[in-house]
N, C-alpha and C. Protein backbone atom coordinates (compact mmCIF):
# COMPACT_ATOMS: atom_id res chain seq x y z
N MET A 1 -22.45 -7.81 -0.63
CA MET A 1 -21.28 -7.14 -0.09
C MET A 1 -21.09 -7.59 1.36
N ILE A 2 -19.89 -8.03 1.67
CA ILE A 2 -19.56 -8.45 3.03
C ILE A 2 -18.52 -7.47 3.58
N TRP A 3 -18.84 -6.85 4.72
CA TRP A 3 -17.89 -5.99 5.41
C TRP A 3 -17.29 -6.82 6.53
N ARG A 4 -15.95 -6.85 6.60
CA ARG A 4 -15.30 -7.67 7.61
C ARG A 4 -13.92 -7.11 7.93
N GLU A 5 -13.37 -7.58 9.06
CA GLU A 5 -11.99 -7.22 9.37
C GLU A 5 -11.07 -7.97 8.42
N ALA A 6 -10.07 -7.28 7.95
CA ALA A 6 -9.12 -7.86 7.00
C ALA A 6 -8.26 -8.92 7.68
N THR A 7 -7.78 -9.84 6.87
CA THR A 7 -6.80 -10.82 7.33
C THR A 7 -5.48 -10.53 6.60
N ARG A 8 -4.45 -11.18 7.02
CA ARG A 8 -3.13 -10.98 6.41
C ARG A 8 -3.16 -11.32 4.92
N VAL A 9 -3.97 -12.28 4.54
CA VAL A 9 -4.10 -12.68 3.13
C VAL A 9 -4.66 -11.55 2.27
N ASP A 10 -5.41 -10.63 2.88
CA ASP A 10 -6.01 -9.51 2.15
C ASP A 10 -5.04 -8.38 1.85
N VAL A 11 -3.88 -8.38 2.49
CA VAL A 11 -2.96 -7.23 2.38
C VAL A 11 -2.61 -6.89 0.94
N PRO A 12 -2.26 -7.83 0.06
CA PRO A 12 -1.95 -7.43 -1.31
C PRO A 12 -3.11 -6.70 -2.01
N ALA A 13 -4.34 -7.15 -1.81
CA ALA A 13 -5.49 -6.48 -2.42
C ALA A 13 -5.72 -5.10 -1.82
N VAL A 14 -5.48 -4.97 -0.54
CA VAL A 14 -5.62 -3.67 0.13
C VAL A 14 -4.58 -2.69 -0.39
N VAL A 15 -3.35 -3.15 -0.54
CA VAL A 15 -2.28 -2.29 -1.06
C VAL A 15 -2.60 -1.89 -2.51
N ALA A 16 -3.15 -2.80 -3.28
CA ALA A 16 -3.53 -2.48 -4.66
C ALA A 16 -4.57 -1.37 -4.69
N LEU A 17 -5.52 -1.39 -3.76
CA LEU A 17 -6.51 -0.30 -3.68
C LEU A 17 -5.84 1.02 -3.32
N LEU A 18 -4.88 0.97 -2.41
CA LEU A 18 -4.16 2.20 -2.04
C LEU A 18 -3.37 2.76 -3.22
N ALA A 19 -2.79 1.88 -4.02
CA ALA A 19 -1.97 2.32 -5.15
C ALA A 19 -2.82 2.78 -6.33
N ASP A 20 -4.05 2.30 -6.44
CA ASP A 20 -4.95 2.67 -7.54
C ASP A 20 -5.65 3.98 -7.23
N ASP A 21 -4.85 5.03 -7.14
CA ASP A 21 -5.33 6.31 -6.67
C ASP A 21 -4.35 7.38 -7.15
N VAL A 22 -4.84 8.55 -7.43
CA VAL A 22 -3.99 9.63 -7.93
C VAL A 22 -2.81 9.88 -7.00
N LEU A 23 -3.07 9.96 -5.70
CA LEU A 23 -1.99 10.20 -4.76
C LEU A 23 -1.22 8.92 -4.43
N GLY A 24 -1.91 7.82 -4.29
CA GLY A 24 -1.28 6.57 -3.91
C GLY A 24 -0.39 5.98 -4.97
N HIS A 25 -0.67 6.29 -6.22
CA HIS A 25 0.10 5.73 -7.33
C HIS A 25 1.59 6.00 -7.18
N GLY A 26 1.93 7.19 -6.72
CA GLY A 26 3.33 7.55 -6.60
C GLY A 26 3.95 7.26 -5.25
N ARG A 27 3.16 6.88 -4.25
CA ARG A 27 3.75 6.71 -2.93
C ARG A 27 3.70 5.28 -2.38
N GLU A 28 2.99 4.39 -3.04
CA GLU A 28 2.93 3.00 -2.57
C GLU A 28 4.00 2.18 -3.28
N SER A 29 4.38 1.06 -2.68
CA SER A 29 5.49 0.24 -3.16
C SER A 29 4.99 -1.14 -3.58
N ALA A 30 5.72 -1.79 -4.45
CA ALA A 30 5.41 -3.16 -4.85
C ALA A 30 5.92 -4.17 -3.82
N ASP A 31 6.81 -3.74 -2.95
CA ASP A 31 7.35 -4.60 -1.90
C ASP A 31 6.33 -4.74 -0.78
N LEU A 32 5.78 -5.93 -0.59
CA LEU A 32 4.73 -6.14 0.41
C LEU A 32 5.26 -6.28 1.83
N ALA A 33 6.54 -6.48 2.01
CA ALA A 33 7.11 -6.72 3.35
C ALA A 33 6.74 -5.63 4.36
N PRO A 34 6.89 -4.34 4.04
CA PRO A 34 6.54 -3.34 5.06
C PRO A 34 5.03 -3.32 5.36
N TYR A 35 4.21 -3.61 4.37
CA TYR A 35 2.77 -3.63 4.58
C TYR A 35 2.36 -4.80 5.48
N LEU A 36 2.99 -5.95 5.26
CA LEU A 36 2.70 -7.11 6.09
C LEU A 36 3.15 -6.87 7.54
N ALA A 37 4.30 -6.25 7.71
CA ALA A 37 4.78 -5.92 9.05
C ALA A 37 3.83 -4.93 9.73
N ALA A 38 3.37 -3.95 8.98
CA ALA A 38 2.44 -2.97 9.53
C ALA A 38 1.11 -3.63 9.89
N PHE A 39 0.64 -4.54 9.06
CA PHE A 39 -0.60 -5.25 9.36
C PHE A 39 -0.45 -6.04 10.66
N ASP A 40 0.67 -6.73 10.82
CA ASP A 40 0.93 -7.49 12.04
C ASP A 40 0.93 -6.57 13.26
N ALA A 41 1.55 -5.40 13.14
CA ALA A 41 1.57 -4.44 14.24
C ALA A 41 0.15 -3.95 14.56
N MET A 42 -0.64 -3.71 13.52
CA MET A 42 -2.02 -3.27 13.74
C MET A 42 -2.81 -4.33 14.50
N GLN A 43 -2.56 -5.59 14.21
CA GLN A 43 -3.27 -6.67 14.90
C GLN A 43 -2.94 -6.71 16.38
N ASP A 44 -1.73 -6.27 16.72
CA ASP A 44 -1.31 -6.24 18.12
C ASP A 44 -1.90 -5.06 18.87
N GLU A 45 -2.39 -4.06 18.15
CA GLU A 45 -2.98 -2.87 18.77
C GLU A 45 -4.49 -3.09 18.87
N GLY A 46 -5.01 -3.12 20.05
CA GLY A 46 -6.42 -3.46 20.24
C GLY A 46 -7.41 -2.55 19.53
N GLY A 47 -7.11 -1.30 19.37
CA GLY A 47 -8.07 -0.36 18.80
C GLY A 47 -7.79 0.05 17.38
N ASN A 48 -7.07 -0.77 16.64
CA ASN A 48 -6.67 -0.41 15.28
C ASN A 48 -7.14 -1.53 14.34
N ARG A 49 -8.12 -1.20 13.49
CA ARG A 49 -8.73 -2.23 12.65
C ARG A 49 -8.68 -1.86 11.18
N LEU A 50 -8.40 -2.84 10.36
CA LEU A 50 -8.46 -2.67 8.92
C LEU A 50 -9.70 -3.40 8.44
N ILE A 51 -10.60 -2.67 7.82
CA ILE A 51 -11.89 -3.22 7.39
C ILE A 51 -11.92 -3.26 5.86
N VAL A 52 -12.41 -4.35 5.31
CA VAL A 52 -12.54 -4.49 3.87
C VAL A 52 -13.97 -4.85 3.50
N ALA A 53 -14.32 -4.51 2.26
CA ALA A 53 -15.58 -4.95 1.67
C ALA A 53 -15.22 -5.99 0.62
N GLU A 54 -15.89 -7.12 0.70
CA GLU A 54 -15.64 -8.19 -0.25
C GLU A 54 -16.90 -8.45 -1.05
N GLN A 55 -16.73 -8.53 -2.36
CA GLN A 55 -17.85 -8.80 -3.26
C GLN A 55 -17.40 -9.88 -4.24
N ASP A 56 -18.11 -10.99 -4.25
CA ASP A 56 -17.77 -12.11 -5.14
C ASP A 56 -16.31 -12.52 -5.03
N GLY A 57 -15.79 -12.55 -3.80
CA GLY A 57 -14.42 -12.97 -3.57
C GLY A 57 -13.36 -11.92 -3.83
N ARG A 58 -13.76 -10.72 -4.19
CA ARG A 58 -12.83 -9.63 -4.52
C ARG A 58 -12.93 -8.54 -3.46
N ILE A 59 -11.79 -8.04 -2.99
CA ILE A 59 -11.75 -6.91 -2.07
C ILE A 59 -11.99 -5.65 -2.91
N VAL A 60 -13.09 -4.94 -2.64
CA VAL A 60 -13.50 -3.80 -3.47
C VAL A 60 -13.44 -2.46 -2.74
N ALA A 61 -13.22 -2.50 -1.42
CA ALA A 61 -13.13 -1.25 -0.66
C ALA A 61 -12.39 -1.56 0.63
N ARG A 62 -11.86 -0.48 1.24
CA ARG A 62 -11.12 -0.65 2.49
C ARG A 62 -11.10 0.67 3.26
N TYR A 63 -10.96 0.54 4.57
CA TYR A 63 -10.69 1.69 5.42
C TYR A 63 -10.05 1.19 6.71
N GLN A 64 -9.38 2.10 7.37
CA GLN A 64 -8.77 1.79 8.67
C GLN A 64 -9.54 2.55 9.72
N LEU A 65 -9.87 1.88 10.80
CA LEU A 65 -10.62 2.48 11.91
C LEU A 65 -9.77 2.36 13.16
N THR A 66 -9.43 3.51 13.73
CA THR A 66 -8.65 3.54 14.96
C THR A 66 -9.51 4.13 16.06
N LEU A 67 -9.62 3.40 17.15
CA LEU A 67 -10.41 3.85 18.30
C LEU A 67 -9.49 4.55 19.27
N ILE A 68 -9.89 5.76 19.71
CA ILE A 68 -9.02 6.60 20.53
C ILE A 68 -9.76 7.02 21.79
N SER A 69 -9.21 6.65 22.93
CA SER A 69 -9.73 7.14 24.21
C SER A 69 -8.92 8.36 24.58
N GLY A 70 -9.59 9.37 25.10
CA GLY A 70 -8.89 10.60 25.47
C GLY A 70 -9.64 11.37 26.53
N LEU A 71 -9.07 12.46 26.97
CA LEU A 71 -9.66 13.25 28.04
C LEU A 71 -10.44 14.45 27.54
N SER A 72 -10.15 14.94 26.33
CA SER A 72 -10.84 16.14 25.86
C SER A 72 -12.31 15.85 25.54
N LEU A 73 -13.09 16.90 25.47
CA LEU A 73 -14.53 16.79 25.22
C LEU A 73 -15.20 15.88 26.25
N THR A 74 -14.87 16.12 27.50
CA THR A 74 -15.40 15.33 28.62
C THR A 74 -15.12 13.84 28.43
N ALA A 75 -13.89 13.54 28.08
CA ALA A 75 -13.41 12.16 27.92
C ALA A 75 -14.17 11.40 26.83
N THR A 76 -14.47 12.10 25.74
CA THR A 76 -15.17 11.48 24.62
C THR A 76 -14.26 10.48 23.92
N ARG A 77 -14.78 9.28 23.73
CA ARG A 77 -14.07 8.30 22.92
C ARG A 77 -14.38 8.60 21.46
N ARG A 78 -13.37 8.55 20.63
CA ARG A 78 -13.56 8.88 19.22
C ARG A 78 -13.02 7.78 18.32
N ALA A 79 -13.50 7.79 17.10
CA ALA A 79 -13.02 6.88 16.07
C ALA A 79 -12.41 7.73 14.97
N HIS A 80 -11.26 7.29 14.49
CA HIS A 80 -10.59 7.98 13.39
C HIS A 80 -10.60 7.06 12.17
N VAL A 81 -11.09 7.57 11.06
CA VAL A 81 -11.15 6.81 9.81
C VAL A 81 -10.02 7.28 8.91
N GLU A 82 -9.32 6.32 8.33
CA GLU A 82 -8.14 6.63 7.52
C GLU A 82 -8.11 5.72 6.29
N GLY A 83 -7.49 6.18 5.23
CA GLY A 83 -7.23 5.32 4.08
C GLY A 83 -8.48 4.78 3.40
N VAL A 84 -9.48 5.62 3.25
CA VAL A 84 -10.73 5.19 2.59
C VAL A 84 -10.45 5.02 1.09
N ARG A 85 -10.76 3.83 0.58
CA ARG A 85 -10.59 3.57 -0.85
C ARG A 85 -11.70 2.66 -1.35
N VAL A 86 -12.15 2.94 -2.57
CA VAL A 86 -13.13 2.11 -3.28
C VAL A 86 -12.52 1.78 -4.63
N ALA A 87 -12.69 0.56 -5.09
CA ALA A 87 -12.17 0.15 -6.39
C ALA A 87 -12.65 1.12 -7.47
N ALA A 88 -11.75 1.49 -8.36
CA ALA A 88 -12.04 2.50 -9.38
C ALA A 88 -13.27 2.17 -10.21
N ASP A 89 -13.45 0.90 -10.56
CA ASP A 89 -14.57 0.52 -11.40
C ASP A 89 -15.91 0.52 -10.67
N LEU A 90 -15.89 0.71 -9.36
CA LEU A 90 -17.13 0.72 -8.57
C LEU A 90 -17.45 2.08 -7.96
N ARG A 91 -16.63 3.06 -8.22
CA ARG A 91 -16.87 4.40 -7.66
C ARG A 91 -18.13 5.01 -8.26
N GLY A 92 -18.81 5.81 -7.45
CA GLY A 92 -20.03 6.48 -7.91
C GLY A 92 -21.27 5.62 -7.82
N ARG A 93 -21.20 4.49 -7.13
CA ARG A 93 -22.33 3.57 -7.02
C ARG A 93 -22.86 3.43 -5.60
N GLY A 94 -22.42 4.30 -4.70
CA GLY A 94 -22.90 4.25 -3.33
C GLY A 94 -22.06 3.42 -2.37
N LEU A 95 -20.99 2.82 -2.89
CA LEU A 95 -20.15 1.99 -2.04
C LEU A 95 -19.42 2.82 -0.97
N GLY A 96 -19.01 4.02 -1.32
CA GLY A 96 -18.35 4.89 -0.35
C GLY A 96 -19.28 5.25 0.81
N ALA A 97 -20.53 5.54 0.51
CA ALA A 97 -21.49 5.85 1.57
C ALA A 97 -21.73 4.62 2.44
N ALA A 98 -21.79 3.44 1.83
CA ALA A 98 -21.95 2.20 2.60
C ALA A 98 -20.73 1.96 3.48
N LEU A 99 -19.55 2.26 2.95
CA LEU A 99 -18.31 2.12 3.70
C LEU A 99 -18.35 3.01 4.94
N MET A 100 -18.71 4.26 4.76
CA MET A 100 -18.74 5.18 5.89
C MET A 100 -19.84 4.81 6.89
N ALA A 101 -20.96 4.27 6.42
CA ALA A 101 -22.01 3.81 7.32
C ALA A 101 -21.49 2.65 8.16
N ASP A 102 -20.71 1.76 7.54
CA ASP A 102 -20.13 0.65 8.28
C ASP A 102 -19.16 1.18 9.34
N ALA A 103 -18.34 2.14 8.98
CA ALA A 103 -17.39 2.73 9.93
C ALA A 103 -18.13 3.37 11.11
N GLU A 104 -19.20 4.08 10.81
CA GLU A 104 -19.97 4.74 11.85
C GLU A 104 -20.62 3.71 12.78
N ALA A 105 -21.15 2.65 12.22
CA ALA A 105 -21.78 1.60 13.04
C ALA A 105 -20.75 0.94 13.95
N ARG A 106 -19.57 0.67 13.42
CA ARG A 106 -18.52 0.05 14.24
C ARG A 106 -18.06 1.01 15.34
N ALA A 107 -17.97 2.29 15.02
CA ALA A 107 -17.57 3.29 16.01
C ALA A 107 -18.60 3.37 17.14
N ARG A 108 -19.86 3.42 16.78
CA ARG A 108 -20.92 3.46 17.80
C ARG A 108 -20.87 2.21 18.69
N ALA A 109 -20.72 1.05 18.06
CA ALA A 109 -20.68 -0.21 18.80
C ALA A 109 -19.49 -0.25 19.77
N ALA A 110 -18.42 0.48 19.44
CA ALA A 110 -17.24 0.53 20.30
C ALA A 110 -17.34 1.63 21.36
N GLY A 111 -18.49 2.29 21.43
CA GLY A 111 -18.69 3.31 22.45
C GLY A 111 -18.19 4.69 22.09
N CYS A 112 -17.90 4.92 20.81
CA CYS A 112 -17.42 6.23 20.38
C CYS A 112 -18.58 7.21 20.27
N GLN A 113 -18.31 8.45 20.61
CA GLN A 113 -19.31 9.51 20.50
C GLN A 113 -18.96 10.51 19.40
N LEU A 114 -17.84 10.28 18.73
CA LEU A 114 -17.37 11.19 17.69
C LEU A 114 -16.61 10.36 16.66
N ILE A 115 -16.84 10.68 15.40
CA ILE A 115 -16.07 10.05 14.33
C ILE A 115 -15.38 11.16 13.55
N GLN A 116 -14.12 10.97 13.25
CA GLN A 116 -13.34 12.00 12.57
C GLN A 116 -12.51 11.37 11.47
N LEU A 117 -12.04 12.19 10.57
CA LEU A 117 -11.17 11.72 9.50
C LEU A 117 -10.34 12.87 8.99
N THR A 118 -9.30 12.53 8.28
CA THR A 118 -8.53 13.52 7.55
C THR A 118 -8.57 13.12 6.09
N THR A 119 -8.48 14.10 5.23
CA THR A 119 -8.43 13.86 3.80
C THR A 119 -7.47 14.87 3.19
N ASN A 120 -6.78 14.46 2.18
CA ASN A 120 -5.81 15.34 1.54
C ASN A 120 -6.51 16.61 1.04
N ALA A 121 -5.85 17.72 1.20
CA ALA A 121 -6.43 19.01 0.81
C ALA A 121 -6.78 19.08 -0.67
N THR A 122 -6.12 18.28 -1.51
CA THR A 122 -6.39 18.33 -2.95
C THR A 122 -7.60 17.50 -3.36
N ARG A 123 -8.15 16.71 -2.47
CA ARG A 123 -9.27 15.81 -2.79
C ARG A 123 -10.62 16.53 -2.66
N THR A 124 -10.87 17.46 -3.54
CA THR A 124 -12.09 18.26 -3.43
C THR A 124 -13.36 17.43 -3.61
N ASP A 125 -13.33 16.40 -4.45
CA ASP A 125 -14.50 15.53 -4.58
C ASP A 125 -14.78 14.81 -3.26
N ALA A 126 -13.73 14.37 -2.60
CA ALA A 126 -13.89 13.70 -1.30
C ALA A 126 -14.44 14.66 -0.26
N HIS A 127 -14.03 15.91 -0.31
CA HIS A 127 -14.53 16.90 0.64
C HIS A 127 -16.05 17.04 0.50
N ARG A 128 -16.52 17.13 -0.74
CA ARG A 128 -17.98 17.23 -0.97
C ARG A 128 -18.69 15.97 -0.51
N PHE A 129 -18.10 14.81 -0.76
CA PHE A 129 -18.66 13.53 -0.34
C PHE A 129 -18.83 13.50 1.18
N TYR A 130 -17.79 13.82 1.91
CA TYR A 130 -17.87 13.78 3.37
C TYR A 130 -18.86 14.81 3.90
N ALA A 131 -18.91 15.97 3.29
CA ALA A 131 -19.89 16.98 3.71
C ALA A 131 -21.32 16.46 3.52
N ARG A 132 -21.57 15.75 2.41
CA ARG A 132 -22.91 15.19 2.19
C ARG A 132 -23.28 14.17 3.27
N LEU A 133 -22.28 13.53 3.85
CA LEU A 133 -22.52 12.54 4.90
C LEU A 133 -22.62 13.16 6.29
N GLY A 134 -22.50 14.49 6.38
CA GLY A 134 -22.66 15.16 7.66
C GLY A 134 -21.38 15.54 8.36
N PHE A 135 -20.23 15.30 7.74
CA PHE A 135 -18.95 15.70 8.34
C PHE A 135 -18.76 17.19 8.10
N THR A 136 -18.16 17.86 9.07
CA THR A 136 -17.88 19.28 8.92
C THR A 136 -16.36 19.50 8.95
N PRO A 137 -15.87 20.41 8.12
CA PRO A 137 -14.43 20.70 8.12
C PRO A 137 -14.08 21.64 9.28
N SER A 138 -14.04 21.10 10.49
CA SER A 138 -13.92 21.91 11.69
C SER A 138 -12.48 22.18 12.12
N HIS A 139 -11.52 21.46 11.59
CA HIS A 139 -10.14 21.60 12.02
C HIS A 139 -9.20 21.70 10.82
N ILE A 140 -8.01 22.18 11.07
CA ILE A 140 -6.96 22.18 10.08
C ILE A 140 -5.91 21.19 10.55
N GLY A 141 -5.52 20.27 9.69
CA GLY A 141 -4.55 19.26 10.07
C GLY A 141 -3.15 19.62 9.60
N PHE A 142 -2.18 19.16 10.34
CA PHE A 142 -0.78 19.38 9.99
C PHE A 142 -0.06 18.05 10.05
N LYS A 143 0.92 17.86 9.17
CA LYS A 143 1.76 16.66 9.19
C LYS A 143 3.21 17.06 9.07
N LYS A 144 4.06 16.25 9.65
CA LYS A 144 5.49 16.48 9.58
C LYS A 144 6.19 15.13 9.50
N PRO A 145 6.95 14.92 8.44
CA PRO A 145 7.70 13.64 8.35
C PRO A 145 8.73 13.52 9.46
N LEU A 146 8.89 12.33 9.98
CA LEU A 146 9.90 12.08 11.03
C LEU A 146 10.97 11.15 10.50
């Protein structure tokens, strides 16, 4: 398993992982243009990284890591993990834990003292998974479409 920063060529495989999901199935598009534009924008943002796991030439997992500098918590730098996905045929084999370990290692290397994530309220299996990894459900998140 190779963990690496994604390239533009990886975008179709990354989008396929997003779509191969109960929630993603209905909200992702077959049109790659907006995803490619978003990937380009992410590359221009210094603290926004798309990480993939590659196995035998196949992208099998992905997550987005955003590094955030702020003033709260005595100016604690934090890492935000988003869009965690593992290929359906590989779920339940420890790849998710390896993915989160990679995210944590990258966050530490970037000087972060806190790692955070959000997960959809309906993903009860994911909630148990993150709790097993030491995450605590300490906040309530809100979203509003613009």
